[in-house]
C-alpha atoms as a PDB file:
ATOM      1  CA  MET A   1      -0.070  -0.042   0.014  1.00  0.00           C
ATOM      2  CA  ASP A   2       2.937   2.315   0.690  1.00  0.00           C
ATOM      3  CA  PHE A   3       4.332   1.789  -2.682  1.00  0.00           C
ATOM      4  CA  LEU A   4       0.902   2.478  -4.326  1.00  0.00           C
ATOM      5  CA  VAL A   5       0.470   5.644  -2.454  1.00  0.00           C
ATOM      6  CA  LEU A   6       3.894   6.825  -3.318  1.00  0.00           C
ATOM      7  CA  PHE A   7       3.379   5.851  -7.089  1.00  0.00           C
ATOM      8  CA  LEU A   8       0.132   7.860  -7.275  1.00  0.00           C
ATOM      9  CA  PHE A   9       1.603  10.805  -5.652  1.00  0.00           C
ATOM     10  CA  TYR A  10       4.664  10.731  -8.057  1.00  0.00           C
ATOM     11  CA  VAL A  11       2.315  10.386 -10.945  1.00  0.00           C
ATOM     12  CA  ALA A  12       0.154  13.230  -9.713  1.00  0.00           C
ATOM     13  CA  LEU A  13       3.004  15.525  -9.278  1.00  0.00           C
ATOM     14  CA  VAL A  14       4.194  14.797 -12.825  1.00  0.00           C
ATOM     15  CA  LEU A  15       0.820  15.527 -14.339  1.00  0.00           C
ATOM     16  CA  ILE A  16       0.406  18.689 -12.382  1.00  0.00           C
ATOM     17  CA  GLY A  17       3.839  19.933 -13.790  1.00  0.00           C
ATOM     18  CA  ILE A  18       3.105  18.943 -17.393  1.00  0.00           C
ATOM     19  CA  VAL A  19      -0.385  20.389 -17.371  1.00  0.00           C
ATOM     20  CA  THR A  20       0.606  23.693 -15.794  1.00  0.00           C
ATOM     21  CA  ILE A  21       3.372  24.172 -18.281  1.00  0.00           C
ATOM     22  CA  CYS A  22       0.966  23.159 -21.072  1.00  0.00           C
ATOM     23  CA  ILE A  23      -1.616  25.788 -19.940  1.00  0.00           C
ATOM     24  CA  CYS A  24       1.104  28.464 -19.510  1.00  0.00           C
ATOM     25  CA  SER A  25       2.734  28.033 -23.017  1.00  0.00           C
ATOM     26  CA  LYS A  26      -0.645  28.350 -24.987  1.00  0.00           C
ATOM     27  CA  THR A  27       0.387  27.108 -28.237  1.00  0.00           C
ATOM     28  CA  HIS A  28      -2.140  26.052 -30.963  1.00  0.00           C
ATOM     29  CA  TYR A  29      -1.132  22.443 -30.716  1.00  0.00           C
ATOM     30  CA  LEU A  30      -1.908  22.335 -27.167  1.00  0.00           C
ATOM     31  CA  LYS A  31      -5.210  24.243 -27.613  1.00  0.00           C
ATOM     32  CA  GLY A  32      -6.148  21.468 -30.177  1.00  0.00           C
ATOM     33  CA  LEU A  33      -5.245  18.626 -27.610  1.00  0.00           C
ATOM     34  CA  VAL A  34      -7.224  20.538 -25.007  1.00  0.00           C
ATOM     35  CA  ARG A  35     -10.231  20.827 -27.129  1.00  0.00           C
ATOM     36  CA  GLY A  36     -10.034  17.274 -28.199  1.00  0.00           C
ATOM     37  CA  GLY A  37      -9.741  16.005 -24.614  1.00  0.00           C
ATOM     38  CA  ALA A  38     -12.651  18.148 -23.767  1.00  0.00           C
ATOM     39  CA  GLN A  39     -14.797  16.604 -26.432  1.00  0.00           C
ATOM     40  CA  ILE A  40     -13.920  13.024 -25.194  1.00  0.00           C
ATOM     41  CA  ILE A  41     -14.498  14.001 -21.640  1.00  0.00           C
ATOM     42  CA  SER A  42     -18.053  15.384 -22.516  1.00  0.00           C
ATOM     43  CA  TYR A  43     -19.070  12.040 -23.406  1.00  0.00           C
ATOM     44  CA  ILE A  44     -17.903  10.325 -20.307  1.00  0.00           C
ATOM     45  CA  ILE A  45     -18.562  12.686 -17.458  1.00  0.00           C
ATOM     46  CA  PRO A  46     -22.011  13.775 -16.443  1.00  0.00           C
ATOM     47  CA  GLU A  47     -22.916  17.321 -17.194  1.00  0.00           C
ATOM     48  CA  CYS A  48     -23.382  18.434 -13.453  1.00  0.00           C
ATOM     49  CA  LEU A  49     -19.833  17.261 -12.806  1.00  0.00           C
ATOM     50  CA  GLN A  50     -18.441  19.178 -16.065  1.00  0.00           C
ATOM     51  CA  ARG A  51     -20.067  22.308 -14.741  1.00  0.00           C
ATOM     52  CA  ALA A  52     -18.372  21.858 -11.339  1.00  0.00           C
ATOM     53  CA  MET A  53     -14.952  21.151 -13.036  1.00  0.00           C
ATOM     54  CA  LEU A  54     -15.358  24.302 -15.255  1.00  0.00           C
ATOM     55  CA  LYS A  55     -16.104  26.378 -12.256  1.00  0.00           C
ATOM     56  CA  LEU A  56     -13.152  24.962 -10.316  1.00  0.00           C
ATOM     57  CA  LEU A  57     -10.851  25.480 -13.510  1.00  0.00           C
ATOM     58  CA  HIS A  58     -12.060  29.218 -13.964  1.00  0.00           C
ATOM     59  CA  TYR A  59     -11.289  29.691 -10.108  1.00  0.00           C
ATOM     60  CA  LEU A  60      -7.749  28.145 -10.461  1.00  0.00           C
ATOM     61  CA  PHE A  61      -6.700  29.632 -13.450  1.00  0.00           C
ATOM     62  CA  HIS A  62      -8.914  32.966 -14.224  1.00  0.00           C
ATOM     63  CA  THR A  63      -9.120  34.399 -10.785  1.00  0.00           C
ATOM     64  CA  ARG A  64      -6.476  35.508  -8.360  1.00  0.00           C
ATOM     65  CA  ASN A  65      -5.972  32.848  -5.534  1.00  0.00           C
ATOM     66  CA  TYR A  66      -3.270  31.287  -3.565  1.00  0.00           C
ATOM     67  CA  THR A  67      -4.053  27.727  -4.483  1.00  0.00           C
ATOM     68  CA  PHE A  68      -0.916  27.183  -6.401  1.00  0.00           C
ATOM     69  CA  VAL A  69       1.350  29.334  -4.225  1.00  0.00           C
ATOM     70  CA  LEU A  70       0.367  26.972  -1.205  1.00  0.00           C
ATOM     71  CA  LEU A  71       0.709  23.832  -3.426  1.00  0.00           C
ATOM     72  CA  HIS A  72       4.230  25.167  -4.548  1.00  0.00           C
ATOM     73  CA  LEU A  73       5.315  25.476  -1.006  1.00  0.00           C
ATOM     74  CA  ILE A  74       3.877  22.203   0.068  1.00  0.00           C
ATOM     75  CA  LEU A  75       5.701  20.271  -2.676  1.00  0.00           C
ATOM     76  CA  GLN A  76       8.797  22.020  -2.043  1.00  0.00           C
ATOM     77  CA  GLY A  77       8.555  21.276   1.637  1.00  0.00           C
ATOM     78  CA  MET A  78       7.848  17.740   1.088  1.00  0.00           C
ATOM     79  CA  VAL A  79      10.722  17.134  -1.410  1.00  0.00           C
ATOM     80  CA  TYR A  80      13.127  19.005   0.961  1.00  0.00           C
ATOM     81  CA  SER A  81      11.836  17.011   3.948  1.00  0.00           C
ATOM     82  CA  GLU A  82      12.594  13.758   2.086  1.00  0.00           C
ATOM     83  CA  TYR A  83      15.999  15.090   1.081  1.00  0.00           C
ATOM     84  CA  THR A  84      16.784  16.032   4.820  1.00  0.00           C
ATOM     85  CA  TRP A  85      15.702  12.739   6.398  1.00  0.00           C
ATOM     86  CA  GLU A  86      16.814  10.384   3.867  1.00  0.00           C
ATOM     87  CA  ILE A  87      19.569  11.561   1.565  1.00  0.00           C
ATOM     88  CA  PHE A  88      21.439  14.058   3.787  1.00  0.00           C
ATOM     89  CA  GLY A  89      21.660  11.508   6.613  1.00  0.00           C
ATOM     90  CA  TYR A  90      22.775   8.637   4.361  1.00  0.00           C
ATOM     91  CA  CYS A  91      25.279  10.858   2.603  1.00  0.00           C
ATOM     92  CA  GLN A  92      26.802  12.110   5.734  1.00  0.00           C
ATOM     93  CA  GLU A  93      27.416   8.500   6.860  1.00  0.00           C
ATOM     94  CA  LEU A  94      29.165   7.832   3.342  1.00  0.00           C
ATOM     95  CA  GLU A  95      31.292  11.083   4.226  1.00  0.00           C
ATOM     96  CA  PHE A  96      30.102  13.189   1.384  1.00  0.00           C
ATOM     97  CA  SER A  97      31.436  16.848   1.345  1.00  0.00           C
ATOM     98  CA  LEU A  98      29.291  19.065   3.507  1.00  0.00           C
ATOM     99  CA  HIS A  99      29.515  21.928   1.063  1.00  0.00           C
ATOM    100  CA  TYR A 100      28.074  19.646  -1.580  1.00  0.00           C
ATOM    101  CA  LEU A 101      25.114  18.468   0.652  1.00  0.00           C
ATOM    102  CA  LEU A 102      24.372  22.126   1.721  1.00  0.00           C
ATOM    103  CA  LEU A 103      24.112  23.521  -1.931  1.00  0.00           C
ATOM    104  CA  PRO A 104      20.485  22.571  -2.399  1.00  0.00           C
ATOM    105  CA  TYR A 105      19.657  24.437   0.896  1.00  0.00           C
ATOM    106  CA  LEU A 106      21.544  27.625  -0.288  1.00  0.00           C
ATOM    107  CA  LEU A 107      19.501  27.238  -3.644  1.00  0.00           C
ATOM    108  CA  LEU A 108      16.352  27.053  -1.633  1.00  0.00           C
ATOM    109  CA  ILE A 109      16.987  30.295   0.264  1.00  0.00           C
ATOM    110  CA  GLY A 110      17.592  32.048  -3.002  1.00  0.00           C
ATOM    111  CA  ASN A 111      14.571  30.570  -4.672  1.00  0.00           C
ATOM    112  CA  LEU A 112      12.143  31.402  -1.738  1.00  0.00           C
ATOM    113  CA  VAL A 113      13.615  35.144  -1.870  1.00  0.00           C
ATOM    114  CA  PHE A 114      12.881  35.398  -5.719  1.00  0.00           C
ATOM    115  CA  PHE A 115       9.696  33.571  -5.224  1.00  0.00           C
ATOM    116  CA  THR A 116       8.497  36.101  -2.678  1.00  0.00           C
ATOM    117  CA  LEU A 117       9.484  38.935  -4.852  1.00  0.00           C
ATOM    118  CA  SER A 118       7.838  37.529  -7.848  1.00  0.00           C
ATOM    119  CA  CYS A 119       4.667  37.133  -5.650  1.00  0.00           C
ATOM    120  CA  VAL A 120       4.443  40.672  -4.062  1.00  0.00           C
ATOM    121  CA  SER A 121       6.304  42.967  -6.520  1.00  0.00           C
ATOM    122  CA  ASN A 122       4.373  45.440  -8.909  1.00  0.00           C
ATOM    123  CA  PRO A 123       4.736  43.775 -12.150  1.00  0.00           C
ATOM    124  CA  GLY A 124       4.390  47.386 -13.894  1.00  0.00           C
ATOM    125  CA  THR A 125       0.751  48.394 -13.501  1.00  0.00           C
ATOM    126  CA  ILE A 126      -0.155  51.095 -15.726  1.00  0.00           C
ATOM    127  CA  THR A 127      -2.172  54.000 -14.048  1.00  0.00           C
ATOM    128  CA  LYS A 128      -3.323  57.629 -14.973  1.00  0.00           C
ATOM    129  CA  ALA A 129      -0.217  58.698 -13.150  1.00  0.00           C
ATOM    130  CA  ASN A 130       2.315  56.895 -15.082  1.00  0.00           C
ATOM    131  CA  GLU A 131       0.494  56.454 -18.382  1.00  0.00           C
ATOM    132  CA  LEU A 132       2.450  59.061 -20.338  1.00  0.00           C
ATOM    133  CA  LEU A 133       5.731  57.825 -19.103  1.00  0.00           C
ATOM    134  CA  PHE A 134       5.057  54.407 -20.222  1.00  0.00           C
ATOM    135  CA  LEU A 135       3.896  55.661 -23.691  1.00  0.00           C
ATOM    136  CA  GLN A 136       7.336  56.820 -24.284  1.00  0.00           C
ATOM    137  CA  VAL A 137       9.344  53.906 -23.354  1.00  0.00           C
ATOM    138  CA  TYR A 138       8.777  51.731 -26.463  1.00  0.00           C
ATOM    139  CA  GLU A 139       8.259  52.335 -30.046  1.00  0.00           C
ATOM    140  CA  PHE A 140       5.017  51.171 -31.778  1.00  0.00           C
ATOM    141  CA  ASP A 141       5.505  48.880 -34.504  1.00  0.00           C
ATOM    142  CA  GLU A 142       2.014  49.298 -35.894  1.00  0.00           C
ATOM    143  CA  VAL A 143       1.605  45.691 -36.474  1.00  0.00           C
ATOM    144  CA  MET A 144       1.356  44.089 -33.156  1.00  0.00           C
ATOM    145  CA  PHE A 145       1.114  47.275 -31.211  1.00  0.00           C
ATOM    146  CA  SER A 146      -0.727  50.332 -32.655  1.00  0.00           C
ATOM    147  CA  LYS A 147      -0.847  54.139 -31.486  1.00  0.00           C
ATOM    148  CA  ASN A 148      -3.774  55.591 -30.012  1.00  0.00           C
ATOM    149  CA  ARG A 149      -5.379  52.377 -28.837  1.00  0.00           C
ATOM    150  CA  LYS A 150      -7.197  52.419 -25.520  1.00  0.00           C
ATOM    151  CA  CYS A 151      -7.963  49.516 -23.081  1.00  0.00           C
ATOM    152  CA  SER A 152     -11.736  49.141 -23.073  1.00  0.00           C
ATOM    153  CA  THR A 153     -11.603  48.088 -19.364  1.00  0.00           C
ATOM    154  CA  CYS A 154      -9.158  50.358 -17.751  1.00  0.00           C
ATOM    155  CA  ASN A 155      -9.895  53.284 -20.065  1.00  0.00           C
ATOM    156  CA  LEU A 156      -6.223  53.981 -20.464  1.00  0.00           C
ATOM    157  CA  ARG A 157      -4.071  54.459 -23.697  1.00  0.00           C
ATOM    158  CA  LYS A 158      -2.229  51.297 -24.343  1.00  0.00           C
ATOM    159  CA  PRO A 159       1.711  51.720 -24.285  1.00  0.00           C
ATOM    160  CA  ALA A 160       3.550  49.501 -26.846  1.00  0.00           C
ATOM    161  CA  ARG A 161       4.004  46.007 -25.487  1.00  0.00           C
ATOM    162  CA  SER A 162       1.495  46.365 -22.732  1.00  0.00           C
ATOM    163  CA  LYS A 163      -1.606  44.017 -22.190  1.00  0.00           C
ATOM    164  CA  HIS A 164      -4.740  43.885 -20.070  1.00  0.00           C
ATOM    165  CA  CYS A 165      -4.583  40.897 -17.827  1.00  0.00           C
ATOM    166  CA  SER A 166      -8.027  39.603 -17.261  1.00  0.00           C
ATOM    167  CA  VAL A 167      -6.969  37.772 -14.192  1.00  0.00           C
ATOM    168  CA  CYS A 168      -5.581  40.674 -12.336  1.00  0.00           C
ATOM    169  CA  ASN A 169      -8.020  43.187 -14.033  1.00  0.00           C
ATOM    170  CA  ARG A 170      -5.090  45.794 -14.826  1.00  0.00           C
ATOM    171  CA  CYS A 171      -2.909  46.740 -17.703  1.00  0.00           C
ATOM    172  CA  VAL A 172       0.653  45.719 -17.321  1.00  0.00           C
ATOM    173  CA  HIS A 173       3.653  47.406 -18.962  1.00  0.00           C
ATOM    174  CA  ARG A 174       5.848  44.956 -21.079  1.00  0.00           C
ATOM    175  CA  PHE A 175       3.288  42.146 -20.313  1.00  0.00           C
ATOM    176  CA  ASP A 176       4.854  38.665 -20.338  1.00  0.00           C
ATOM    177  CA  HIS A 177       2.130  36.356 -18.945  1.00  0.00           C
ATOM    178  CA  HIS A 178       0.043  35.803 -15.754  1.00  0.00           C
ATOM    179  CA  CYS A 179       1.704  33.037 -13.566  1.00  0.00           C
ATOM    180  CA  VAL A 180      -0.657  30.976 -11.343  1.00  0.00           C
ATOM    181  CA  TRP A 181       2.446  29.694  -9.362  1.00  0.00           C
ATOM    182  CA  VAL A 182       3.324  33.173  -8.107  1.00  0.00           C
ATOM    183  CA  ASN A 183      -0.351  34.424  -8.216  1.00  0.00           C
ATOM    184  CA  ASN A 184       0.877  37.478 -10.133  1.00  0.00           C
ATOM    185  CA  CYS A 185       1.408  39.003 -13.628  1.00  0.00           C
ATOM    186  CA  ILE A 186       5.099  38.859 -14.970  1.00  0.00           C
ATOM    187  CA  GLY A 187       5.933  42.318 -16.430  1.00  0.00           C
ATOM    188  CA  ALA A 188       8.582  44.837 -16.675  1.00  0.00           C
ATOM    189  CA  TRP A 189       9.348  45.426 -13.106  1.00  0.00           C
ATOM    190  CA  ASN A 190       9.205  41.803 -11.826  1.00  0.00           C
ATOM    191  CA  ALA A 191      10.721  39.823 -14.963  1.00  0.00           C
ATOM    192  CA  ARG A 192      14.208  39.751 -13.490  1.00  0.00           C
ATOM    193  CA  TYR A 193      12.708  38.195  -9.988  1.00  0.00           C
ATOM    194  CA  PHE A 194      10.733  35.727 -12.113  1.00  0.00           C
ATOM    195  CA  LEU A 195      13.859  34.746 -14.249  1.00  0.00           C
ATOM    196  CA  LEU A 196      16.027  34.161 -11.097  1.00  0.00           C
ATOM    197  CA  TYR A 197      13.278  32.308  -9.242  1.00  0.00           C
ATOM    198  CA  LEU A 198      13.213  29.991 -12.271  1.00  0.00           C
ATOM    199  CA  LEU A 199      16.765  29.645 -12.454  1.00  0.00           C
ATOM    200  CA  THR A 200      17.299  28.870  -8.745  1.00  0.00           C
ATOM    201  CA  LEU A 201      14.023  26.380  -8.740  1.00  0.00           C
ATOM    202  CA  THR A 202      15.822  24.578 -11.794  1.00  0.00           C
ATOM    203  CA  ALA A 203      19.279  24.430 -10.058  1.00  0.00           C
ATOM    204  CA  SER A 204      17.752  23.266  -6.909  1.00  0.00           C
ATOM    205  CA  ALA A 205      15.943  20.326  -8.469  1.00  0.00           C
ATOM    206  CA  ALA A 206      19.018  19.394 -10.667  1.00  0.00           C
ATOM    207  CA  THR A 207      21.239  19.504  -7.769  1.00  0.00           C
ATOM    208  CA  MET A 208      19.041  17.248  -5.647  1.00  0.00           C
ATOM    209  CA  ALA A 209      18.807  14.834  -8.688  1.00  0.00           C
ATOM    210  CA  VAL A 210      22.553  14.782  -9.040  1.00  0.00           C
ATOM    211  CA  VAL A 211      23.136  14.334  -5.176  1.00  0.00           C
ATOM    212  CA  SER A 212      20.541  11.453  -5.146  1.00  0.00           C
ATOM    213  CA  THR A 213      22.074   9.809  -8.099  1.00  0.00           C
ATOM    214  CA  VAL A 214      25.642   9.985  -6.897  1.00  0.00           C
ATOM    215  CA  PHE A 215      24.484   8.478  -3.400  1.00  0.00           C
ATOM    216  CA  LEU A 216      22.723   5.547  -5.130  1.00  0.00           C
ATOM    217  CA  VAL A 217      25.680   4.809  -7.480  1.00  0.00           C
ATOM    218  CA  GLN A 218      28.127   5.226  -4.531  1.00  0.00           C
ATOM    219  CA  LEU A 219      26.073   2.572  -2.542  1.00  0.00           C
ATOM    220  CA  VAL A 220      26.002   0.166  -5.394  1.00  0.00           C
ATOM    221  CA  MET A 221      29.942   0.523  -5.712  1.00  0.00           C
ATOM    222  CA  LEU A 222      30.535   0.182  -2.192  1.00  0.00           C
ATOM    223  CA  SER A 223      28.535  -2.967  -1.747  1.00  0.00           C
ATOM    224  CA  ASP A 224      29.962  -4.557  -4.914  1.00  0.00           C
ATOM    225  CA  LEU A 225      26.381  -5.305  -5.913  1.00  0.00           C
ATOM    226  CA  TYR A 226      27.059  -5.057  -9.565  1.00  0.00           C
ATOM    227  CA  LEU A 227      29.526  -7.880  -9.251  1.00  0.00           C
ATOM    228  CA  GLU A 228      26.921 -10.352  -7.710  1.00  0.00           C
ATOM    229  CA  THR A 229      24.740 -12.993  -9.715  1.00  0.00           C
ATOM    230  CA  TYR A 230      21.353 -14.181  -9.313  1.00  0.00           C
ATOM    231  CA  ILE A 231      19.251 -17.293 -10.296  1.00  0.00           C
ATOM    232  CA  ASP A 232      16.381 -16.468 -12.794  1.00  0.00           C
ATOM    233  CA  ASP A 233      13.171 -18.394 -13.067  1.00  0.00           C
ATOM    234  CA  LEU A 234      14.720 -20.822 -15.248  1.00  0.00           C
ATOM    235  CA  GLY A 235      17.315 -21.635 -12.687  1.00  0.00           C
ATOM    236  CA  HIS A 236      20.067 -20.054 -14.624  1.00  0.00           C
ATOM    237  CA  PHE A 237      22.758 -17.693 -13.076  1.00  0.00           C
ATOM    238  CA  GLN A 238      22.526 -14.316 -14.322  1.00  0.00           C
ATOM    239  CA  VAL A 239      24.809 -11.385 -14.053  1.00  0.00           C
ATOM    240  CA  ILE A 240      23.123  -8.357 -12.465  1.00  0.00           C
ATOM    241  CA  ASP A 241      22.237  -5.787 -14.940  1.00  0.00           C
ATOM    242  CA  ILE A 242      21.002  -2.117 -14.765  1.00  0.00           C
ATOM    243  CA  VAL A 243      17.443  -3.205 -14.730  1.00  0.00           C
ATOM    244  CA  PHE A 244      17.886  -5.563 -11.735  1.00  0.00           C
ATOM    245  CA  LEU A 245      19.930  -2.735  -9.787  1.00  0.00           C
ATOM    246  CA  ILE A 246      17.026  -0.435 -10.375  1.00  0.00           C
ATOM    247  CA  GLN A 247      14.562  -2.913  -9.154  1.00  0.00           C
ATOM    248  CA  TYR A 248      16.769  -3.793  -6.026  1.00  0.00           C
ATOM    249  CA  LEU A 249      17.140  -0.012  -5.356  1.00  0.00           C
ATOM    250  CA  PHE A 250      13.444   0.633  -5.670  1.00  0.00           C
ATOM    251  CA  LEU A 251      12.618  -2.020  -3.152  1.00  0.00           C
ATOM    252  CA  THR A 252      15.347  -1.030  -0.645  1.00  0.00           C
ATOM    253  CA  PHE A 253      14.868   2.893  -1.015  1.00  0.00           C
ATOM    254  CA  PRO A 254      11.516   3.348  -2.638  1.00  0.00           C
ATOM    255  CA  ARG A 255      10.997   7.059  -1.278  1.00  0.00           C
ATOM    256  CA  ILE A 256      14.682   8.102  -2.505  1.00  0.00           C
ATOM    257  CA  VAL A 257      14.050   6.471  -5.983  1.00  0.00           C
ATOM    258  CA  PHE A 258      10.554   8.164  -6.294  1.00  0.00           C
ATOM    259  CA  MET A 259      12.152  11.435  -5.263  1.00  0.00           C
ATOM    260  CA  LEU A 260      14.924  11.169  -7.740  1.00  0.00           C
ATOM    261  CA  GLY A 261      12.367  10.357 -10.427  1.00  0.00           C
ATOM    262  CA  PHE A 262      10.236  13.477  -9.526  1.00  0.00           C
ATOM    263  CA  VAL A 263      13.331  15.933  -9.374  1.00  0.00           C
ATOM    264  CA  ALA A 264      14.761  14.411 -12.401  1.00  0.00           C
ATOM    265  CA  MET A 265      11.479  15.000 -14.308  1.00  0.00           C
ATOM    266  CA  LEU A 266      10.980  18.431 -12.943  1.00  0.00           C
ATOM    267  CA  SER A 267      14.500  19.215 -13.770  1.00  0.00           C
ATOM    268  CA  PHE A 268      13.861  18.412 -17.514  1.00  0.00           C
ATOM    269  CA  LEU A 269      10.452  20.244 -17.439  1.00  0.00           C
ATOM    270  CA  LEU A 270      11.896  23.407 -15.698  1.00  0.00           C
ATOM    271  CA  GLY A 271      15.243  23.295 -17.776  1.00  0.00           C
ATOM    272  CA  GLY A 272      13.202  23.329 -21.045  1.00  0.00           C
ATOM    273  CA  TYR A 273      11.024  26.256 -19.871  1.00  0.00           C
ATOM    274  CA  LEU A 274      14.087  28.103 -18.322  1.00  0.00           C
ATOM    275  CA  CYS A 275      15.809  27.778 -21.756  1.00  0.00           C
ATOM    276  CA  PHE A 276      12.593  29.228 -23.431  1.00  0.00           C
ATOM    277  CA  THR A 277      12.566  32.133 -21.103  1.00  0.00           C
ATOM    278  CA  LEU A 278      16.261  32.684 -21.681  1.00  0.00           C
ATOM    279  CA  TYR A 279      15.755  32.784 -25.458  1.00  0.00           C
ATOM    280  CA  LEU A 280      12.873  35.356 -24.947  1.00  0.00           C
ATOM    281  CA  ALA A 281      15.249  37.501 -22.689  1.00  0.00           C
ATOM    282  CA  ALA A 282      18.082  37.239 -25.124  1.00  0.00           C
ATOM    283  CA  THR A 283      16.058  38.261 -28.085  1.00  0.00           C
ATOM    284  CA  ASN A 284      13.825  40.938 -26.114  1.00  0.00           C
ATOM    285  CA  GLN A 285      10.524  39.258 -26.543  1.00  0.00           C
ATOM    286  CA  THR A 286       7.850  38.547 -24.137  1.00  0.00           C
ATOM    287  CA  THR A 287       5.711  35.292 -24.086  1.00  0.00           C
ATOM    288  CA  ASN A 288       2.768  37.446 -25.039  1.00  0.00           C
ATOM    289  CA  GLU A 289       4.589  38.687 -28.196  1.00  0.00           C
ATOM    290  CA  TRP A 290       6.062  35.365 -29.016  1.00  0.00           C
ATOM    291  CA  TYR A 291       2.577  33.872 -28.893  1.00  0.00           C
ATOM    292  CA  ARG A 292       0.874  36.581 -30.891  1.00  0.00           C
ATOM    293  CA  GLY A 293       3.851  36.651 -33.517  1.00  0.00           C
ATOM    294  CA  ASP A 294       2.454  33.771 -35.483  1.00  0.00           C
ATOM    295  CA  ARG A 295      -1.002  35.368 -35.416  1.00  0.00           C
ATOM    296  CA  THR A 296      -0.082  38.634 -36.955  1.00  0.00           C
ATOM    297  CA  TRP A 297      -0.643  39.163 -40.747  1.00  0.00           C
ATOM    298  CA  CYS A 298       2.334  38.027 -42.630  1.00  0.00           C
ATOM    299  CA  GLN A 299       3.152  36.740 -46.080  1.00  0.00           C
ATOM    300  CA  HIS A 300       3.556  33.251 -44.817  1.00  0.00           C
ATOM    301  CA  CYS A 301       0.035  32.950 -43.457  1.00  0.00           C
ATOM    302  CA  PRO A 302      -2.253  32.753 -46.654  1.00  0.00           C
ATOM    303  CA  HIS A 303      -5.086  31.400 -44.787  1.00  0.00           C
ATOM    304  CA  THR A 304      -5.504  34.377 -42.491  1.00  0.00           C
ATOM    305  CA  ALA A 305      -8.551  36.446 -43.282  1.00  0.00           C
ATOM    306  CA  ARG A 306      -7.925  40.007 -44.350  1.00  0.00           C
ATOM    307  CA  PRO A 307      -9.339  42.611 -46.686  1.00  0.00           C
ATOM    308  CA  PRO A 308      -8.539  42.023 -50.281  1.00  0.00           C
ATOM    309  CA  SER A 309      -6.867  45.578 -50.680  1.00  0.00           C
ATOM    310  CA  ALA A 310      -4.854  45.162 -47.374  1.00  0.00           C
ATOM    311  CA  GLU A 311      -1.203  44.885 -47.780  1.00  0.00           C
ATOM    312  CA  PRO A 312       0.347  42.024 -45.780  1.00  0.00           C
ATOM    313  CA  GLN A 313       2.224  43.022 -42.856  1.00  0.00           C
ATOM    314  CA  VAL A 314       5.245  41.453 -41.614  1.00  0.00           C
ATOM    315  CA  HIS A 315       5.921  41.572 -37.852  1.00  0.00           C
ATOM    316  CA  ARG A 316       9.708  42.382 -36.919  1.00  0.00           C
ATOM    317  CA  ASN A 317      11.185  42.486 -33.610  1.00  0.00           C
ATOM    318  CA  ILE A 318      12.058  46.210 -33.200  1.00  0.00           C
ATOM    319  CA  HIS A 319      12.967  46.092 -29.722  1.00  0.00           C
ATOM    320  CA  SER A 320      15.914  43.874 -29.977  1.00  0.00           C
ATOM    321  CA  HIS A 321      19.251  45.761 -29.603  1.00  0.00           C
ATOM    322  CA  GLY A 322      21.837  43.056 -28.845  1.00  0.00           C
ATOM    323  CA  LEU A 323      22.239  40.377 -26.348  1.00  0.00           C
ATOM    324  CA  TRP A 324      23.755  42.353 -23.326  1.00  0.00           C
ATOM    325  CA  SER A 325      21.299  45.490 -24.092  1.00  0.00           C
ATOM    326  CA  ASN A 326      18.426  42.982 -23.917  1.00  0.00           C
ATOM    327  CA  LEU A 327      19.524  41.268 -20.893  1.00  0.00           C
ATOM    328  CA  GLY A 328      20.094  44.722 -19.309  1.00  0.00           C
ATOM    329  CA  GLU A 329      16.572  45.629 -19.989  1.00  0.00           C
ATOM    330  CA  ILE A 330      15.282  42.633 -17.998  1.00  0.00           C
ATOM    331  CA  PHE A 331      17.334  43.473 -14.874  1.00  0.00           C
ATOM    332  CA  LEU A 332      17.014  47.208 -15.207  1.00  0.00           C
ATOM    333  CA  PRO A 333      13.189  48.134 -15.443  1.00  0.00           C
ATOM    334  CA  ALA A 334      12.074  49.669 -18.697  1.00  0.00           C
ATOM    335  CA  THR A 335      11.246  53.073 -17.088  1.00  0.00           C
ATOM    336  CA  ALA A 336      14.506  53.353 -15.411  1.00  0.00           C
ATOM    337  CA  HIS A 337      16.142  52.285 -18.619  1.00  0.00           C
ATOM    338  CA  TYR A 338      14.288  55.010 -20.433  1.00  0.00           C
ATOM    339  CA  GLU A 339      15.243  57.605 -17.982  1.00  0.00           C
ATOM    340  CA  ARG A 340      18.950  56.798 -18.170  1.00  0.00           C
ATOM    341  CA  LYS A 341      18.749  57.269 -21.970  1.00  0.00           C
ATOM    342  CA  LYS A 342      17.216  60.681 -21.768  1.00  0.00           C
ATOM    343  CA  ASN A 343      19.822  61.875 -19.451  1.00  0.00           C
END
């Protein structure tokens, strides 16, 4: 029963991570998969349950709430508790370097700092007081962002690269996306905190995966288990292979193996998302602009409906000014960057 509970817990965590990343990325392919899945579910689940699920999904992903913030802290606490009570103790007995073992805790401290800053900091809310300042920061490309447009909800002029967030009910300067894990928008003023939060979270998961793997490998090497033989179902002697070793370690240290599988999967998922975020930062794009880029009228989209007399408009990234300048814009908020250029 203990193995079953751990297995179901592990599968649930992986599914939560995959589904959340899928929802955040919002590509056309994923939307098609979601629509197809919804059609299949509509034939299986009763209508009353469907309505309840839609209400729950609307609450989780379309209203500001602390559900995913609490889930984030609970999962992080459970993983670090397992690391502390299992891996840390065993590795000390095997005389692992203390600096090596304490690295995940240092990364945890940094991660919690940047997580908190991502949650509570102002992403760059546009108000009547700062509207004119934000209008002068970025150039309008007249393709994705046009001049003299107003937000119908906030009744404010829309600066280039801004977007109204329906979850937070505010316009955000250099809007990237709304992240449910921090219960906040990611914009010009907190993009640096989110990037460092993602970096430290990925590093902490990868570090724990490496420490756990080294511990299990060291255990196998010290016990000379890989030199042993066993008798198979046919009564023949067989040399222990990698599959047998994994089975043996799973039966001997089930929680450590499950934790290793989870943090390894998490490292790959977060690593992929981190690479995507770094690519956007290096090219001075936001997730919103990257997503909208393939929806803009262009010569390569003949299926897009447009007036016969309209000239095809090609979207160009006019905000990229080189790697270091682009990264500097992330770590120096756009308004401060603009003020420095004026001076």
